């Protein structure tokens, strides 16, 4: 019996934010700051544990505010996400290994989320790239969620 695996999905979004790489990096290693910008549109975020070092990480609960019950990956209205910091290169890059708590195999596996900070004339270009995205996460919707998080990060940092 042969099982064919679908090609790994890669999703990405970027935005120029009028802030320094240092300020933006801080938003990844401060749990209060992270909770204020990380949730996509229509969701709230709670940081349940936080250890800002390589090998450490955090647990974040994303709660749906505007979707009908049954939208969540973990419960009917929430996603519990376990994140490990694989790399914390101050002012340059953050690499996170992301796992959704879910019984649905469409959300299984580990996604690699790399955020790069590139200085530009008007601030910093922040690019978030998710690799090995679980098959249950659609590209268009996920990229819109990443862009929404970047918009919230800009509102926090500018």
N, C-alpha and C. Protein backbone atom coordinates (compact mmCIF):
# COMPACT_ATOMS: atom_id res chain seq x y z
N UNK A 1 0.85 -1.18 0.00
CA UNK A 1 0.00 0.00 0.00
C UNK A 1 0.89 1.24 0.00
N UNK A 2 0.61 2.18 -0.86
CA UNK A 2 1.37 3.42 -0.96
C UNK A 2 0.50 4.57 -0.47
N UNK A 3 1.06 5.35 0.42
CA UNK A 3 0.36 6.55 0.90
C UNK A 3 1.05 7.74 0.28
N UNK A 4 0.29 8.55 -0.42
CA UNK A 4 0.86 9.75 -1.06
C UNK A 4 0.66 10.94 -0.14
N UNK A 5 1.75 11.59 0.18
CA UNK A 5 1.69 12.78 1.02
C UNK A 5 1.56 14.01 0.15
N UNK A 6 0.71 14.94 0.57
CA UNK A 6 0.58 16.18 -0.19
C UNK A 6 1.81 17.04 0.03
N UNK A 7 2.08 17.89 -0.92
CA UNK A 7 3.24 18.79 -0.81
C UNK A 7 3.05 19.71 0.40
N UNK A 8 4.13 19.93 1.10
CA UNK A 8 4.08 20.82 2.26
C UNK A 8 3.69 22.22 1.81
N UNK A 9 2.82 22.83 2.58
CA UNK A 9 2.36 24.18 2.25
C UNK A 9 3.28 25.22 2.88
N UNK A 10 3.50 26.30 2.16
CA UNK A 10 4.23 27.46 2.68
C UNK A 10 3.34 28.68 2.49
N UNK A 11 3.16 29.43 3.58
CA UNK A 11 2.33 30.64 3.56
C UNK A 11 3.18 31.78 4.08
N UNK A 12 2.98 32.98 3.53
CA UNK A 12 3.82 34.11 3.92
C UNK A 12 3.08 35.44 3.77
N UNK A 13 3.50 36.40 4.57
CA UNK A 13 3.02 37.78 4.44
C UNK A 13 4.11 38.70 4.99
N UNK A 14 4.14 39.93 4.51
CA UNK A 14 5.11 40.89 5.03
C UNK A 14 4.50 42.28 5.07
N UNK A 15 5.18 43.13 5.83
CA UNK A 15 4.71 44.51 6.00
C UNK A 15 5.87 45.36 6.47
N UNK A 16 5.93 46.60 5.99
CA UNK A 16 6.90 47.55 6.53
C UNK A 16 6.25 48.22 7.73
N UNK A 17 6.96 48.18 8.85
CA UNK A 17 6.46 48.75 10.10
C UNK A 17 7.42 49.88 10.51
N UNK A 18 6.86 51.00 10.89
CA UNK A 18 7.65 52.17 11.27
C UNK A 18 8.17 52.02 12.69
N UNK A 19 9.08 51.07 12.86
CA UNK A 19 9.69 50.79 14.16
C UNK A 19 11.02 50.10 13.91
N UNK A 20 11.87 50.13 14.91
CA UNK A 20 13.18 49.50 14.78
C UNK A 20 13.07 47.98 14.94
N UNK A 21 14.03 47.24 14.38
CA UNK A 21 14.05 45.79 14.61
C UNK A 21 14.08 45.45 16.10
N UNK A 22 14.76 46.26 16.90
CA UNK A 22 14.83 46.01 18.36
C UNK A 22 13.44 46.05 18.98
N UNK A 23 12.66 47.09 18.65
CA UNK A 23 11.30 47.21 19.18
C UNK A 23 10.44 46.03 18.75
N UNK A 24 10.56 45.64 17.49
CA UNK A 24 9.75 44.54 16.97
C UNK A 24 10.16 43.21 17.58
N UNK A 25 11.44 42.98 17.74
CA UNK A 25 11.92 41.75 18.37
C UNK A 25 11.37 41.64 19.80
N UNK A 26 11.35 42.75 20.51
CA UNK A 26 10.84 42.76 21.88
C UNK A 26 9.39 42.27 21.95
N UNK A 27 8.61 42.55 20.92
CA UNK A 27 7.21 42.12 20.90
C UNK A 27 7.07 40.59 20.83
N UNK A 28 8.17 39.90 20.51
CA UNK A 28 8.17 38.43 20.46
C UNK A 28 8.64 37.82 21.78
N UNK A 29 9.30 38.57 22.61
CA UNK A 29 9.85 38.00 23.84
C UNK A 29 9.22 38.60 25.10
N UNK A 30 8.15 39.37 24.93
CA UNK A 30 7.40 39.93 26.05
C UNK A 30 5.98 39.37 25.95
N UNK A 31 5.54 38.56 26.92
CA UNK A 31 4.23 37.90 26.79
C UNK A 31 3.05 38.87 26.71
N UNK A 32 3.10 39.98 27.42
CA UNK A 32 1.99 40.93 27.35
C UNK A 32 1.91 41.58 25.97
N UNK A 33 3.07 41.94 25.43
CA UNK A 33 3.08 42.53 24.09
C UNK A 33 2.57 41.49 23.08
N UNK A 34 3.06 40.26 23.19
CA UNK A 34 2.67 39.24 22.22
C UNK A 34 1.16 39.00 22.24
N UNK A 35 0.58 38.91 23.42
CA UNK A 35 -0.86 38.67 23.52
C UNK A 35 -1.66 39.79 22.87
N UNK A 36 -1.10 41.00 22.84
CA UNK A 36 -1.84 42.13 22.30
C UNK A 36 -1.85 42.18 20.77
N UNK A 37 -0.94 41.47 20.11
CA UNK A 37 -0.90 41.57 18.64
C UNK A 37 -1.02 40.22 17.93
N UNK A 38 -0.81 39.11 18.58
CA UNK A 38 -0.67 37.82 17.90
C UNK A 38 -1.98 37.23 17.39
N UNK A 39 -3.08 37.56 18.01
CA UNK A 39 -4.35 36.97 17.60
C UNK A 39 -4.80 37.52 16.26
N UNK A 40 -5.20 36.64 15.34
CA UNK A 40 -5.76 37.10 14.07
C UNK A 40 -7.10 37.81 14.28
N UNK A 41 -7.59 38.47 13.25
CA UNK A 41 -8.89 39.15 13.33
C UNK A 41 -9.96 38.18 13.81
N UNK A 42 -10.83 38.66 14.68
CA UNK A 42 -11.94 37.84 15.16
C UNK A 42 -11.57 36.89 16.28
N UNK A 43 -10.36 37.06 16.83
CA UNK A 43 -9.92 36.18 17.90
C UNK A 43 -9.28 37.01 19.02
N UNK A 44 -9.23 36.43 20.21
CA UNK A 44 -8.46 37.00 21.30
C UNK A 44 -7.36 36.01 21.65
N UNK A 45 -6.32 36.50 22.33
CA UNK A 45 -5.19 35.65 22.68
C UNK A 45 -4.89 35.74 24.17
N UNK A 46 -4.58 34.60 24.74
CA UNK A 46 -4.12 34.52 26.12
C UNK A 46 -2.84 33.69 26.12
N UNK A 47 -1.80 34.23 26.73
CA UNK A 47 -0.54 33.48 26.86
C UNK A 47 -0.63 32.70 28.16
N UNK A 48 -0.57 31.38 28.06
CA UNK A 48 -0.75 30.52 29.22
C UNK A 48 0.56 30.11 29.89
N UNK A 49 1.64 30.16 29.17
CA UNK A 49 2.98 29.87 29.71
C UNK A 49 3.96 30.59 28.80
N UNK A 50 5.12 31.03 29.34
CA UNK A 50 6.05 31.78 28.50
C UNK A 50 7.47 31.63 29.02
N UNK A 51 8.37 31.19 28.15
CA UNK A 51 9.78 31.00 28.48
C UNK A 51 10.59 31.49 27.28
N UNK A 52 11.01 32.79 27.29
CA UNK A 52 11.64 33.41 26.11
C UNK A 52 13.13 33.08 25.93
N UNK A 53 13.41 31.83 25.59
CA UNK A 53 14.78 31.40 25.31
C UNK A 53 14.71 30.29 24.27
N UNK A 54 15.82 30.07 23.57
CA UNK A 54 15.88 28.97 22.61
C UNK A 54 15.66 27.68 23.39
N UNK A 55 14.73 26.87 22.90
CA UNK A 55 14.35 25.64 23.61
C UNK A 55 13.16 25.86 24.52
N UNK A 56 12.91 27.12 24.88
CA UNK A 56 11.73 27.48 25.65
C UNK A 56 10.60 27.76 24.67
N UNK A 57 9.60 28.45 25.11
CA UNK A 57 8.49 28.78 24.21
C UNK A 57 7.29 29.27 24.98
N UNK A 58 6.13 28.99 24.43
CA UNK A 58 4.91 29.46 25.07
C UNK A 58 3.73 28.62 24.62
N UNK A 59 2.67 28.73 25.39
CA UNK A 59 1.38 28.15 25.01
C UNK A 59 0.44 29.32 24.89
N UNK A 60 -0.23 29.39 23.76
CA UNK A 60 -1.17 30.49 23.51
C UNK A 60 -2.54 29.89 23.21
N UNK A 61 -3.56 30.46 23.83
CA UNK A 61 -4.93 30.07 23.53
C UNK A 61 -5.56 31.18 22.70
N UNK A 62 -5.99 30.81 21.51
CA UNK A 62 -6.68 31.73 20.61
C UNK A 62 -8.17 31.40 20.67
N UNK A 63 -8.97 32.38 21.05
CA UNK A 63 -10.41 32.16 21.19
C UNK A 63 -11.16 32.91 20.11
N UNK A 64 -12.02 32.19 19.40
CA UNK A 64 -12.83 32.80 18.34
C UNK A 64 -13.91 33.66 18.96
N UNK A 65 -14.04 34.89 18.47
CA UNK A 65 -15.04 35.82 18.96
C UNK A 65 -16.21 35.95 18.00
N UNK A 66 -15.96 35.75 16.72
CA UNK A 66 -16.97 36.06 15.71
C UNK A 66 -17.43 34.85 14.90
N UNK A 67 -16.83 33.70 15.08
CA UNK A 67 -17.20 32.53 14.28
C UNK A 67 -18.21 31.67 15.03
N UNK A 68 -18.99 30.91 14.30
CA UNK A 68 -19.95 30.02 14.95
C UNK A 68 -19.25 28.92 15.74
N UNK A 69 -19.89 28.37 16.76
CA UNK A 69 -19.31 27.26 17.51
C UNK A 69 -18.87 26.14 16.56
N UNK A 70 -17.80 25.51 16.90
CA UNK A 70 -17.28 24.43 16.05
C UNK A 70 -16.14 24.87 15.17
N UNK A 71 -15.74 26.14 15.27
CA UNK A 71 -14.65 26.65 14.43
C UNK A 71 -13.28 26.30 14.98
N UNK A 72 -13.19 26.00 16.27
CA UNK A 72 -11.91 25.78 16.90
C UNK A 72 -11.25 24.46 16.55
N UNK A 73 -9.93 24.45 16.62
CA UNK A 73 -9.16 23.23 16.37
C UNK A 73 -9.04 22.37 17.62
N UNK A 74 -9.11 23.01 18.82
CA UNK A 74 -8.94 22.29 20.08
C UNK A 74 -10.27 22.08 20.78
N UNK A 75 -11.04 23.15 20.92
CA UNK A 75 -12.40 23.07 21.47
C UNK A 75 -13.33 23.68 20.43
N UNK A 76 -14.60 23.78 20.76
CA UNK A 76 -15.53 24.33 19.78
C UNK A 76 -15.25 25.78 19.42
N UNK A 77 -14.59 26.52 20.34
CA UNK A 77 -14.35 27.94 20.06
C UNK A 77 -12.91 28.39 20.30
N UNK A 78 -11.97 27.44 20.39
CA UNK A 78 -10.60 27.88 20.64
C UNK A 78 -9.56 26.96 19.99
N UNK A 79 -8.37 27.54 19.83
CA UNK A 79 -7.19 26.81 19.37
C UNK A 79 -6.15 26.96 20.48
N UNK A 80 -5.64 25.84 20.96
CA UNK A 80 -4.52 25.89 21.89
C UNK A 80 -3.29 25.53 21.08
N UNK A 81 -2.29 26.41 21.15
CA UNK A 81 -1.11 26.28 20.30
C UNK A 81 0.13 26.21 21.19
N UNK A 82 0.95 25.19 20.96
CA UNK A 82 2.22 25.02 21.68
C UNK A 82 3.33 25.48 20.75
N UNK A 83 4.16 26.39 21.24
CA UNK A 83 5.21 26.98 20.41
C UNK A 83 6.56 26.85 21.12
N UNK A 84 7.55 26.38 20.37
CA UNK A 84 8.92 26.32 20.87
C UNK A 84 9.77 27.31 20.10
N UNK A 85 10.60 28.07 20.82
CA UNK A 85 11.54 28.96 20.15
C UNK A 85 12.73 28.14 19.66
N UNK A 86 12.90 28.03 18.35
CA UNK A 86 14.03 27.31 17.77
C UNK A 86 15.22 28.25 17.56
N UNK A 87 14.92 29.54 17.36
CA UNK A 87 15.97 30.54 17.17
C UNK A 87 15.45 31.90 17.61
N UNK A 88 16.29 32.62 18.33
CA UNK A 88 16.00 33.99 18.73
C UNK A 88 17.24 34.82 18.42
N UNK A 89 17.33 35.29 17.20
CA UNK A 89 18.46 36.11 16.77
C UNK A 89 18.02 37.57 16.90
N UNK A 90 18.38 38.18 18.01
CA UNK A 90 17.91 39.52 18.35
C UNK A 90 18.01 40.47 17.16
N UNK A 91 16.90 41.14 16.90
CA UNK A 91 16.79 42.17 15.87
C UNK A 91 16.93 41.63 14.44
N UNK A 92 17.04 40.32 14.26
CA UNK A 92 17.18 39.74 12.92
C UNK A 92 16.07 38.76 12.57
N UNK A 93 15.86 37.77 13.50
CA UNK A 93 14.99 36.66 13.12
C UNK A 93 14.49 35.94 14.38
N UNK A 94 13.25 35.44 14.28
CA UNK A 94 12.67 34.56 15.29
C UNK A 94 12.15 33.34 14.55
N UNK A 95 12.52 32.16 15.01
CA UNK A 95 12.02 30.92 14.42
C UNK A 95 11.25 30.17 15.50
N UNK A 96 9.99 29.86 15.18
CA UNK A 96 9.12 29.18 16.12
C UNK A 96 8.64 27.87 15.52
N UNK A 97 8.58 26.84 16.33
CA UNK A 97 8.03 25.55 15.94
C UNK A 97 6.65 25.45 16.59
N UNK A 98 5.63 25.31 15.75
CA UNK A 98 4.24 25.48 16.18
C UNK A 98 3.47 24.16 16.02
N UNK A 99 2.76 23.77 17.09
CA UNK A 99 1.90 22.59 17.06
C UNK A 99 0.53 22.96 17.61
N UNK A 100 -0.51 22.60 16.87
CA UNK A 100 -1.88 22.81 17.34
C UNK A 100 -2.30 21.61 18.18
N UNK A 101 -2.97 21.89 19.29
CA UNK A 101 -3.56 20.82 20.09
C UNK A 101 -4.89 20.48 19.41
N UNK A 102 -4.95 19.30 18.78
CA UNK A 102 -6.15 18.93 18.03
C UNK A 102 -6.19 17.42 17.80
N UNK A 103 -7.39 16.87 17.81
CA UNK A 103 -7.58 15.45 17.48
C UNK A 103 -7.73 15.26 15.97
N UNK A 104 -7.89 16.34 15.24
CA UNK A 104 -8.09 16.28 13.79
C UNK A 104 -6.74 16.14 13.09
N UNK A 105 -6.53 15.05 12.35
CA UNK A 105 -5.24 14.86 11.67
C UNK A 105 -4.92 15.96 10.64
N UNK A 106 -5.91 16.72 10.20
CA UNK A 106 -5.66 17.81 9.25
C UNK A 106 -4.86 18.94 9.89
N UNK A 107 -4.77 18.95 11.23
CA UNK A 107 -4.01 20.00 11.93
C UNK A 107 -2.79 19.43 12.65
N UNK A 108 -2.46 18.18 12.35
CA UNK A 108 -1.34 17.51 13.01
C UNK A 108 -0.01 17.96 12.41
N UNK A 109 1.03 17.76 13.17
CA UNK A 109 2.37 18.06 12.70
C UNK A 109 2.88 19.38 13.23
N UNK A 110 4.12 19.64 12.89
CA UNK A 110 4.80 20.83 13.37
C UNK A 110 5.03 21.80 12.21
N UNK A 111 4.56 23.01 12.40
CA UNK A 111 4.74 24.07 11.43
C UNK A 111 5.93 24.92 11.89
N UNK A 112 6.73 25.35 10.95
CA UNK A 112 7.89 26.21 11.25
C UNK A 112 7.54 27.63 10.81
N UNK A 113 7.54 28.56 11.77
CA UNK A 113 7.20 29.95 11.50
C UNK A 113 8.46 30.80 11.69
N UNK A 114 8.93 31.39 10.59
CA UNK A 114 10.13 32.22 10.63
C UNK A 114 9.73 33.67 10.39
N UNK A 115 10.15 34.53 11.31
CA UNK A 115 9.90 35.96 11.18
C UNK A 115 11.25 36.65 11.02
N UNK A 116 11.39 37.40 9.94
CA UNK A 116 12.64 38.12 9.66
C UNK A 116 12.40 39.62 9.75
N UNK A 117 13.37 40.33 10.32
CA UNK A 117 13.33 41.78 10.46
C UNK A 117 14.42 42.36 9.57
N UNK A 118 14.01 43.11 8.54
CA UNK A 118 14.96 43.70 7.60
C UNK A 118 14.83 45.21 7.64
N UNK A 119 15.88 45.92 8.09
CA UNK A 119 15.81 47.38 8.11
C UNK A 119 15.62 47.93 6.68
N UNK A 120 14.72 48.90 6.55
CA UNK A 120 14.49 49.60 5.29
C UNK A 120 14.42 51.08 5.61
N UNK A 121 14.39 51.91 4.58
CA UNK A 121 14.43 53.36 4.78
C UNK A 121 13.32 53.87 5.71
N UNK A 122 12.13 53.28 5.61
CA UNK A 122 11.00 53.78 6.40
C UNK A 122 10.74 52.98 7.67
N UNK A 123 11.64 52.11 8.09
CA UNK A 123 11.41 51.30 9.29
C UNK A 123 11.99 49.92 9.13
N UNK A 124 11.14 48.91 9.30
CA UNK A 124 11.58 47.52 9.23
C UNK A 124 10.56 46.71 8.44
N UNK A 125 11.06 45.95 7.46
CA UNK A 125 10.18 45.01 6.76
C UNK A 125 10.15 43.75 7.61
N UNK A 126 8.95 43.38 8.04
CA UNK A 126 8.74 42.17 8.82
C UNK A 126 8.09 41.15 7.90
N UNK A 127 8.76 40.01 7.73
CA UNK A 127 8.25 38.94 6.88
C UNK A 127 8.05 37.70 7.73
N UNK A 128 6.84 37.19 7.71
CA UNK A 128 6.52 35.94 8.43
C UNK A 128 6.26 34.86 7.39
N UNK A 129 6.99 33.76 7.50
CA UNK A 129 6.84 32.64 6.58
C UNK A 129 6.57 31.37 7.37
N UNK A 130 5.44 30.75 7.09
CA UNK A 130 5.06 29.49 7.73
C UNK A 130 5.34 28.37 6.75
N UNK A 131 6.14 27.40 7.19
CA UNK A 131 6.47 26.24 6.36
C UNK A 131 5.89 24.98 7.01
N UNK A 132 5.63 23.98 6.20
CA UNK A 132 5.05 22.72 6.66
C UNK A 132 3.71 22.97 7.34
N UNK A 133 2.91 23.84 6.74
CA UNK A 133 1.60 24.19 7.29
C UNK A 133 0.68 22.97 7.17
N UNK A 134 -0.01 22.61 8.26
CA UNK A 134 -0.93 21.47 8.20
C UNK A 134 -1.97 21.65 7.09
N UNK A 135 -2.38 20.54 6.52
CA UNK A 135 -3.29 20.57 5.37
C UNK A 135 -4.64 21.19 5.68
N UNK A 136 -5.05 21.20 6.95
CA UNK A 136 -6.34 21.78 7.32
C UNK A 136 -6.37 23.29 7.36
N UNK A 137 -5.23 23.92 7.12
CA UNK A 137 -5.14 25.39 7.16
C UNK A 137 -4.99 25.90 5.74
N UNK A 138 -6.02 26.58 5.25
CA UNK A 138 -6.02 27.09 3.88
C UNK A 138 -5.08 28.27 3.70
N UNK A 139 -4.43 28.31 2.55
CA UNK A 139 -3.43 29.34 2.26
C UNK A 139 -4.00 30.76 2.32
N UNK A 140 -5.07 31.02 1.60
CA UNK A 140 -5.61 32.38 1.52
C UNK A 140 -6.01 32.91 2.90
N UNK A 141 -6.71 32.10 3.66
CA UNK A 141 -7.17 32.50 4.98
C UNK A 141 -5.99 32.67 5.94
N UNK A 142 -5.02 31.76 5.87
CA UNK A 142 -3.87 31.84 6.76
C UNK A 142 -3.01 33.06 6.45
N UNK A 143 -2.79 33.34 5.17
CA UNK A 143 -2.00 34.53 4.81
C UNK A 143 -2.72 35.80 5.24
N UNK A 144 -4.05 35.81 5.16
CA UNK A 144 -4.81 36.97 5.64
C UNK A 144 -4.67 37.10 7.16
N UNK A 145 -4.62 35.98 7.87
CA UNK A 145 -4.44 36.02 9.32
C UNK A 145 -3.05 36.51 9.70
N UNK A 146 -2.04 36.07 8.95
CA UNK A 146 -0.67 36.55 9.21
C UNK A 146 -0.61 38.06 8.96
N UNK A 147 -1.20 38.51 7.86
CA UNK A 147 -1.21 39.94 7.55
C UNK A 147 -1.94 40.74 8.63
N UNK A 148 -3.03 40.19 9.15
CA UNK A 148 -3.77 40.86 10.22
C UNK A 148 -2.93 40.96 11.49
N UNK A 149 -2.19 39.91 11.81
CA UNK A 149 -1.30 39.96 12.97
C UNK A 149 -0.21 41.01 12.78
N UNK A 150 0.33 41.08 11.57
CA UNK A 150 1.35 42.10 11.28
C UNK A 150 0.76 43.52 11.40
N UNK A 151 -0.48 43.68 10.99
CA UNK A 151 -1.14 44.98 11.13
C UNK A 151 -1.27 45.33 12.63
N UNK A 152 -1.64 44.35 13.45
CA UNK A 152 -1.74 44.58 14.89
C UNK A 152 -0.38 44.88 15.50
N UNK A 153 0.67 44.20 15.01
CA UNK A 153 2.02 44.48 15.48
C UNK A 153 2.41 45.92 15.13
N UNK A 154 2.06 46.36 13.94
CA UNK A 154 2.34 47.73 13.53
C UNK A 154 1.62 48.73 14.44
N UNK A 155 0.36 48.47 14.75
CA UNK A 155 -0.39 49.36 15.63
C UNK A 155 0.24 49.44 17.02
N UNK A 156 0.79 48.33 17.48
CA UNK A 156 1.44 48.30 18.78
C UNK A 156 2.78 49.04 18.75
N UNK A 157 3.55 48.86 17.69
CA UNK A 157 4.94 49.34 17.66
C UNK A 157 5.11 50.74 17.12
N UNK A 158 4.20 51.21 16.28
CA UNK A 158 4.40 52.52 15.63
C UNK A 158 3.96 53.66 16.53
